[in-house]
Amino acid sequence: YSDASSTIKSVIPAFSNKNDRLVVDEGCNASVLTGVKLSRAKVTYFKHNDIKDLERVLMKIQEEEAATSMKQRRFIVVEGIYSNYG
């Protein structure tokens, strides 16, 4: 029985690197969080399924980038079905 956890753990680090920013839903499961850690990217979490909090986080990142003149790729990491919540 495969739950695709190996795929999830490897896809995130394959597409991101240490200079990127991952904006992650705090409700993501352990496989996603492992992939996030393996990526070595900068990570910021937002409240589960909260678009307003995601917007707040993205605005904060944009302000930080403007202050430092550093541009980074951003990935928003969410799940289609949250297994942690049934």
N, C-alpha and C. Protein backbone atom coordinates (compact mmCIF):
# COMPACT_ATOMS: atom_id res chain seq x y z
N TYR A 1 0.85 -1.19 0.00
CA TYR A 1 0.00 0.00 0.00
C TYR A 1 0.88 1.24 0.00
N SER A 2 0.64 2.10 -0.93
CA SER A 2 1.43 3.31 -1.05
C SER A 2 0.58 4.54 -0.79
N ASP A 3 1.09 5.41 0.04
CA ASP A 3 0.36 6.66 0.30
C ASP A 3 1.05 7.85 -0.36
N ALA A 4 2.02 7.58 -1.21
CA ALA A 4 2.74 8.60 -1.98
C ALA A 4 3.61 9.50 -1.11
N SER A 5 3.90 9.10 0.11
CA SER A 5 4.70 9.97 0.97
C SER A 5 6.12 10.18 0.43
N SER A 6 6.67 9.18 -0.22
CA SER A 6 8.01 9.34 -0.80
C SER A 6 8.01 10.41 -1.89
N THR A 7 6.97 10.41 -2.69
CA THR A 7 6.85 11.42 -3.74
C THR A 7 6.72 12.81 -3.13
N ILE A 8 5.86 12.93 -2.15
CA ILE A 8 5.65 14.23 -1.50
C ILE A 8 6.95 14.73 -0.87
N LYS A 9 7.67 13.83 -0.21
CA LYS A 9 8.92 14.22 0.45
C LYS A 9 9.99 14.67 -0.54
N SER A 10 9.94 14.17 -1.77
CA SER A 10 11.00 14.47 -2.72
C SER A 10 10.65 15.61 -3.69
N VAL A 11 9.39 15.85 -3.95
CA VAL A 11 9.02 16.87 -4.93
C VAL A 11 9.34 18.27 -4.44
N ILE A 12 9.03 18.57 -3.19
CA ILE A 12 9.27 19.92 -2.67
C ILE A 12 10.76 20.28 -2.72
N PRO A 13 11.66 19.42 -2.23
CA PRO A 13 13.09 19.76 -2.34
C PRO A 13 13.60 19.79 -3.78
N ALA A 14 12.97 19.03 -4.66
CA ALA A 14 13.41 19.02 -6.06
C ALA A 14 13.12 20.35 -6.76
N PHE A 15 12.05 21.01 -6.38
CA PHE A 15 11.67 22.26 -7.04
C PHE A 15 12.15 23.51 -6.31
N SER A 16 12.58 23.38 -5.09
CA SER A 16 12.99 24.57 -4.33
C SER A 16 14.44 24.41 -3.86
N ASN A 17 15.02 25.54 -3.47
CA ASN A 17 16.39 25.51 -2.95
C ASN A 17 16.53 26.47 -1.78
N LYS A 18 17.74 26.60 -1.26
CA LYS A 18 17.94 27.38 -0.04
C LYS A 18 17.68 28.88 -0.21
N ASN A 19 17.60 29.36 -1.44
CA ASN A 19 17.33 30.78 -1.66
C ASN A 19 15.85 31.08 -1.86
N ASP A 20 15.02 30.06 -1.82
CA ASP A 20 13.58 30.22 -2.03
C ASP A 20 12.85 30.40 -0.70
N ARG A 21 11.59 30.79 -0.81
CA ARG A 21 10.72 30.93 0.36
C ARG A 21 9.52 30.02 0.17
N LEU A 22 9.27 29.17 1.14
CA LEU A 22 8.08 28.32 1.14
C LEU A 22 7.09 28.89 2.13
N VAL A 23 5.88 29.13 1.68
CA VAL A 23 4.81 29.62 2.54
C VAL A 23 3.85 28.43 2.69
N VAL A 24 3.81 27.87 3.89
CA VAL A 24 3.21 26.55 4.10
C VAL A 24 1.98 26.64 5.01
N ASP A 25 0.91 25.97 4.60
CA ASP A 25 -0.27 25.83 5.45
C ASP A 25 0.13 24.99 6.67
N GLU A 26 -0.14 25.50 7.86
CA GLU A 26 0.27 24.78 9.07
C GLU A 26 -0.48 23.47 9.27
N GLY A 27 -1.49 23.20 8.46
CA GLY A 27 -2.24 21.96 8.55
C GLY A 27 -1.69 20.84 7.69
N CYS A 28 -0.61 21.07 6.99
CA CYS A 28 -0.04 20.04 6.12
C CYS A 28 0.44 18.85 6.92
N ASN A 29 0.41 17.67 6.28
CA ASN A 29 0.78 16.44 6.99
C ASN A 29 2.30 16.26 7.10
N ALA A 30 2.71 15.23 7.80
CA ALA A 30 4.12 15.00 8.11
C ALA A 30 4.98 14.82 6.86
N SER A 31 4.45 14.18 5.82
CA SER A 31 5.23 14.00 4.59
C SER A 31 5.56 15.33 3.94
N VAL A 32 4.59 16.21 3.89
CA VAL A 32 4.81 17.54 3.33
C VAL A 32 5.83 18.29 4.17
N LEU A 33 5.69 18.23 5.47
CA LEU A 33 6.61 18.95 6.37
C LEU A 33 8.03 18.40 6.26
N THR A 34 8.16 17.10 6.04
CA THR A 34 9.49 16.52 5.82
C THR A 34 10.09 17.07 4.54
N GLY A 35 9.31 17.13 3.47
CA GLY A 35 9.78 17.71 2.22
C GLY A 35 10.19 19.15 2.38
N VAL A 36 9.43 19.90 3.17
CA VAL A 36 9.75 21.30 3.44
C VAL A 36 11.11 21.40 4.14
N LYS A 37 11.33 20.55 5.14
CA LYS A 37 12.61 20.57 5.86
C LYS A 37 13.77 20.19 4.96
N LEU A 38 13.57 19.19 4.11
CA LEU A 38 14.62 18.74 3.21
C LEU A 38 14.99 19.79 2.16
N SER A 39 14.10 20.69 1.87
CA SER A 39 14.34 21.70 0.84
C SER A 39 15.40 22.71 1.26
N ARG A 40 15.58 22.92 2.53
CA ARG A 40 16.49 23.93 3.09
C ARG A 40 16.11 25.36 2.74
N ALA A 41 14.89 25.54 2.23
CA ALA A 41 14.40 26.88 1.90
C ALA A 41 13.99 27.61 3.18
N LYS A 42 13.82 28.90 3.06
CA LYS A 42 13.26 29.67 4.17
C LYS A 42 11.77 29.35 4.24
N VAL A 43 11.27 29.11 5.44
CA VAL A 43 9.88 28.65 5.59
C VAL A 43 9.10 29.60 6.47
N THR A 44 7.90 29.92 6.02
CA THR A 44 6.95 30.70 6.81
C THR A 44 5.62 29.96 6.77
N TYR A 45 4.98 29.85 7.91
CA TYR A 45 3.71 29.15 8.00
C TYR A 45 2.55 30.14 8.09
N PHE A 46 1.41 29.73 7.56
CA PHE A 46 0.19 30.51 7.74
C PHE A 46 -0.88 29.61 8.33
N LYS A 47 -1.89 30.21 8.95
CA LYS A 47 -2.94 29.45 9.62
C LYS A 47 -3.70 28.59 8.61
N HIS A 48 -4.09 27.42 9.06
CA HIS A 48 -4.76 26.44 8.20
C HIS A 48 -6.00 27.01 7.51
N ASN A 49 -5.98 26.93 6.18
CA ASN A 49 -7.10 27.35 5.33
C ASN A 49 -7.53 28.80 5.56
N ASP A 50 -6.61 29.65 5.97
CA ASP A 50 -6.94 31.05 6.28
C ASP A 50 -6.31 31.96 5.22
N ILE A 51 -7.10 32.35 4.23
CA ILE A 51 -6.61 33.17 3.14
C ILE A 51 -6.14 34.55 3.62
N LYS A 52 -6.83 35.10 4.59
CA LYS A 52 -6.42 36.41 5.13
C LYS A 52 -5.04 36.32 5.77
N ASP A 53 -4.77 35.22 6.50
CA ASP A 53 -3.46 35.06 7.11
C ASP A 53 -2.40 34.83 6.04
N LEU A 54 -2.73 34.09 5.00
CA LEU A 54 -1.79 33.89 3.89
C LEU A 54 -1.46 35.24 3.26
N GLU A 55 -2.46 36.06 3.04
CA GLU A 55 -2.24 37.39 2.48
C GLU A 55 -1.33 38.23 3.39
N ARG A 56 -1.57 38.16 4.68
CA ARG A 56 -0.74 38.89 5.64
C ARG A 56 0.72 38.44 5.56
N VAL A 57 0.93 37.12 5.51
CA VAL A 57 2.29 36.57 5.43
C VAL A 57 2.98 37.01 4.14
N LEU A 58 2.26 36.94 3.02
CA LEU A 58 2.85 37.34 1.75
C LEU A 58 3.21 38.83 1.72
N MET A 59 2.37 39.65 2.32
CA MET A 59 2.68 41.09 2.39
C MET A 59 3.92 41.34 3.24
N LYS A 60 4.04 40.61 4.35
CA LYS A 60 5.21 40.75 5.21
C LYS A 60 6.49 40.35 4.47
N ILE A 61 6.42 39.27 3.72
CA ILE A 61 7.57 38.82 2.93
C ILE A 61 7.94 39.88 1.89
N GLN A 62 6.92 40.44 1.24
CA GLN A 62 7.16 41.48 0.24
C GLN A 62 7.84 42.69 0.86
N GLU A 63 7.41 43.08 2.05
CA GLU A 63 8.05 44.21 2.75
C GLU A 63 9.49 43.90 3.10
N GLU A 64 9.75 42.67 3.56
CA GLU A 64 11.12 42.27 3.88
C GLU A 64 12.01 42.31 2.65
N GLU A 65 11.49 41.84 1.53
CA GLU A 65 12.26 41.86 0.28
C GLU A 65 12.57 43.28 -0.15
N ALA A 66 11.59 44.18 -0.02
CA ALA A 66 11.80 45.57 -0.42
C ALA A 66 12.88 46.22 0.44
N ALA A 67 12.91 45.88 1.72
CA ALA A 67 13.89 46.47 2.62
C ALA A 67 15.31 45.96 2.35
N THR A 68 15.42 44.74 1.86
CA THR A 68 16.75 44.15 1.64
C THR A 68 17.16 44.11 0.17
N SER A 69 16.27 44.49 -0.72
CA SER A 69 16.51 44.42 -2.17
C SER A 69 16.85 43.01 -2.64
N MET A 70 16.40 42.02 -1.89
CA MET A 70 16.64 40.63 -2.26
C MET A 70 15.37 40.01 -2.81
N LYS A 71 15.46 39.42 -3.97
CA LYS A 71 14.31 38.75 -4.57
C LYS A 71 14.44 37.25 -4.36
N GLN A 72 13.35 36.59 -4.02
CA GLN A 72 13.34 35.14 -3.88
C GLN A 72 12.09 34.58 -4.54
N ARG A 73 12.26 33.37 -5.04
CA ARG A 73 11.08 32.69 -5.56
C ARG A 73 10.24 32.28 -4.36
N ARG A 74 8.91 32.31 -4.53
CA ARG A 74 8.01 31.92 -3.46
C ARG A 74 7.13 30.78 -3.93
N PHE A 75 6.96 29.81 -3.04
CA PHE A 75 6.06 28.69 -3.29
C PHE A 75 5.04 28.64 -2.17
N ILE A 76 3.78 28.55 -2.53
CA ILE A 76 2.73 28.37 -1.53
C ILE A 76 2.44 26.87 -1.49
N VAL A 77 2.61 26.27 -0.31
CA VAL A 77 2.48 24.82 -0.16
C VAL A 77 1.20 24.51 0.60
N VAL A 78 0.29 23.83 -0.08
CA VAL A 78 -0.98 23.41 0.51
C VAL A 78 -1.26 21.98 0.08
N GLU A 79 -2.26 21.38 0.66
CA GLU A 79 -2.71 20.05 0.26
C GLU A 79 -4.10 20.15 -0.37
N GLY A 80 -4.42 19.17 -1.20
CA GLY A 80 -5.76 19.11 -1.79
C GLY A 80 -6.78 18.59 -0.77
N ILE A 81 -6.37 17.57 -0.05
CA ILE A 81 -7.21 16.99 1.02
C ILE A 81 -6.33 16.86 2.24
N TYR A 82 -6.71 17.47 3.32
CA TYR A 82 -5.89 17.47 4.53
C TYR A 82 -6.18 16.21 5.36
N SER A 83 -5.26 15.27 5.28
CA SER A 83 -5.45 13.99 6.00
C SER A 83 -5.41 14.18 7.51
N ASN A 84 -4.78 15.25 7.98
CA ASN A 84 -4.73 15.52 9.42
C ASN A 84 -6.09 15.90 9.98
N TYR A 85 -6.99 16.33 9.10
CA TYR A 85 -8.28 16.83 9.56
C TYR A 85 -9.45 15.96 9.14
N GLY A 86 -9.15 14.79 8.56
CA GLY A 86 -10.20 13.83 8.22
C GLY A 86 -10.99 14.11 7.01
